[in-house]
């Protein structure tokens, strides 16, 4: 992926992380019934994607993050 695509995907995954974290931290409302979206696992998946995209962004700037000798 090129730089603009990586930045857009990173912004989207960070936004999803923050939104899912906010929704997952809200207290349950028993009158509305159970939550149909598992917000906390969704937040963890989006945070993992953000971390992977951040490492990819660092690699695009020329920093080697892999094992030495490759």
C-alpha atoms as a PDB file:
ATOM      1  CA  UNK A   1       0.000   0.000   0.000  1.00  0.00           C
ATOM      2  CA  UNK A   2       1.160   3.526  -0.633  1.00  0.00           C
ATOM      3  CA  UNK A   3       1.319   6.329   1.930  1.00  0.00           C
ATOM      4  CA  UNK A   4      -2.144   7.946   1.405  1.00  0.00           C
ATOM      5  CA  UNK A   5      -3.909   4.586   1.536  1.00  0.00           C
ATOM      6  CA  UNK A   6      -2.041   3.610   4.694  1.00  0.00           C
ATOM      7  CA  UNK A   7      -2.868   6.920   6.372  1.00  0.00           C
ATOM      8  CA  UNK A   8      -6.549   6.614   5.455  1.00  0.00           C
ATOM      9  CA  UNK A   9      -6.756   3.049   6.741  1.00  0.00           C
ATOM     10  CA  UNK A  10      -4.914   4.046   9.930  1.00  0.00           C
ATOM     11  CA  UNK A  11      -7.305   6.946  10.542  1.00  0.00           C
ATOM     12  CA  UNK A  12     -10.317   4.688   9.945  1.00  0.00           C
ATOM     13  CA  UNK A  13      -9.059   1.968  12.272  1.00  0.00           C
ATOM     14  CA  UNK A  14      -8.179   4.493  14.992  1.00  0.00           C
ATOM     15  CA  UNK A  15     -11.640   6.008  14.659  1.00  0.00           C
ATOM     16  CA  UNK A  16     -13.250   2.584  14.940  1.00  0.00           C
ATOM     17  CA  UNK A  17     -11.081   1.816  17.982  1.00  0.00           C
ATOM     18  CA  UNK A  18     -12.194   4.975  19.771  1.00  0.00           C
ATOM     19  CA  UNK A  19     -15.857   4.540  18.818  1.00  0.00           C
ATOM     20  CA  UNK A  20     -15.967   0.867  19.840  1.00  0.00           C
ATOM     21  CA  UNK A  21     -14.179   1.690  23.089  1.00  0.00           C
ATOM     22  CA  UNK A  22     -16.746   4.367  23.861  1.00  0.00           C
ATOM     23  CA  UNK A  23     -19.678   2.083  23.055  1.00  0.00           C
ATOM     24  CA  UNK A  24     -18.194  -0.834  24.984  1.00  0.00           C
ATOM     25  CA  UNK A  25     -17.654   1.288  28.104  1.00  0.00           C
ATOM     26  CA  UNK A  26     -21.278   2.413  28.304  1.00  0.00           C
ATOM     27  CA  UNK A  27     -23.338   0.695  30.999  1.00  0.00           C
ATOM     28  CA  UNK A  28     -25.819  -1.902  29.760  1.00  0.00           C
ATOM     29  CA  UNK A  29     -29.445  -0.877  29.368  1.00  0.00           C
ATOM     30  CA  UNK A  30     -31.562  -3.872  30.332  1.00  0.00           C
ATOM     31  CA  UNK A  31     -34.766  -2.299  29.036  1.00  0.00           C
ATOM     32  CA  UNK A  32     -33.413  -2.268  25.473  1.00  0.00           C
ATOM     33  CA  UNK A  33     -32.269  -5.884  25.653  1.00  0.00           C
ATOM     34  CA  UNK A  34     -28.877  -7.428  24.980  1.00  0.00           C
ATOM     35  CA  UNK A  35     -26.201  -5.749  22.911  1.00  0.00           C
ATOM     36  CA  UNK A  36     -26.116  -7.198  19.427  1.00  0.00           C
ATOM     37  CA  UNK A  37     -22.578  -6.012  18.600  1.00  0.00           C
ATOM     38  CA  UNK A  38     -19.619  -7.211  20.704  1.00  0.00           C
ATOM     39  CA  UNK A  39     -17.960  -3.810  21.125  1.00  0.00           C
ATOM     40  CA  UNK A  40     -14.940  -4.836  23.193  1.00  0.00           C
ATOM     41  CA  UNK A  41     -13.646  -7.559  20.828  1.00  0.00           C
ATOM     42  CA  UNK A  42     -14.297  -5.174  17.937  1.00  0.00           C
ATOM     43  CA  UNK A  43     -12.227  -2.533  19.738  1.00  0.00           C
ATOM     44  CA  UNK A  44      -9.394  -5.015  20.286  1.00  0.00           C
ATOM     45  CA  UNK A  45      -9.418  -6.061  16.613  1.00  0.00           C
ATOM     46  CA  UNK A  46      -9.386  -2.448  15.434  1.00  0.00           C
ATOM     47  CA  UNK A  47      -6.536  -1.616  17.835  1.00  0.00           C
ATOM     48  CA  UNK A  48      -4.553  -4.570  16.472  1.00  0.00           C
ATOM     49  CA  UNK A  49      -5.154  -3.363  12.922  1.00  0.00           C
ATOM     50  CA  UNK A  50      -4.033   0.127  13.972  1.00  0.00           C
ATOM     51  CA  UNK A  51      -0.803  -1.262  15.393  1.00  0.00           C
ATOM     52  CA  UNK A  52      -0.087  -3.244  12.217  1.00  0.00           C
ATOM     53  CA  UNK A  53      -0.782  -0.188  10.066  1.00  0.00           C
ATOM     54  CA  UNK A  54       1.456   1.937  12.271  1.00  0.00           C
ATOM     55  CA  UNK A  55       4.340  -0.511  11.791  1.00  0.00           C
ATOM     56  CA  UNK A  56       3.660  -0.471   8.044  1.00  0.00           C
ATOM     57  CA  UNK A  57       3.764   3.339   8.086  1.00  0.00           C
ATOM     58  CA  UNK A  58       7.123   3.283   9.874  1.00  0.00           C
ATOM     59  CA  UNK A  59       8.383   0.821   7.247  1.00  0.00           C
ATOM     60  CA  UNK A  60       7.243   3.155   4.479  1.00  0.00           C
ATOM     61  CA  UNK A  61       9.449   5.874   5.980  1.00  0.00           C
ATOM     62  CA  UNK A  62      12.457   3.582   5.688  1.00  0.00           C
ATOM     63  CA  UNK A  63      12.866   2.115   9.163  1.00  0.00           C
ATOM     64  CA  UNK A  64      13.512  -1.629   9.165  1.00  0.00           C
ATOM     65  CA  UNK A  65      11.394  -3.383  11.806  1.00  0.00           C
ATOM     66  CA  UNK A  66      12.053  -6.993  10.809  1.00  0.00           C
ATOM     67  CA  UNK A  67      14.782  -9.336  12.015  1.00  0.00           C
ATOM     68  CA  UNK A  68      18.367  -8.261  11.255  1.00  0.00           C
ATOM     69  CA  UNK A  69      20.040  -9.687   8.179  1.00  0.00           C
ATOM     70  CA  UNK A  70      17.013  -9.821   5.926  1.00  0.00           C
END
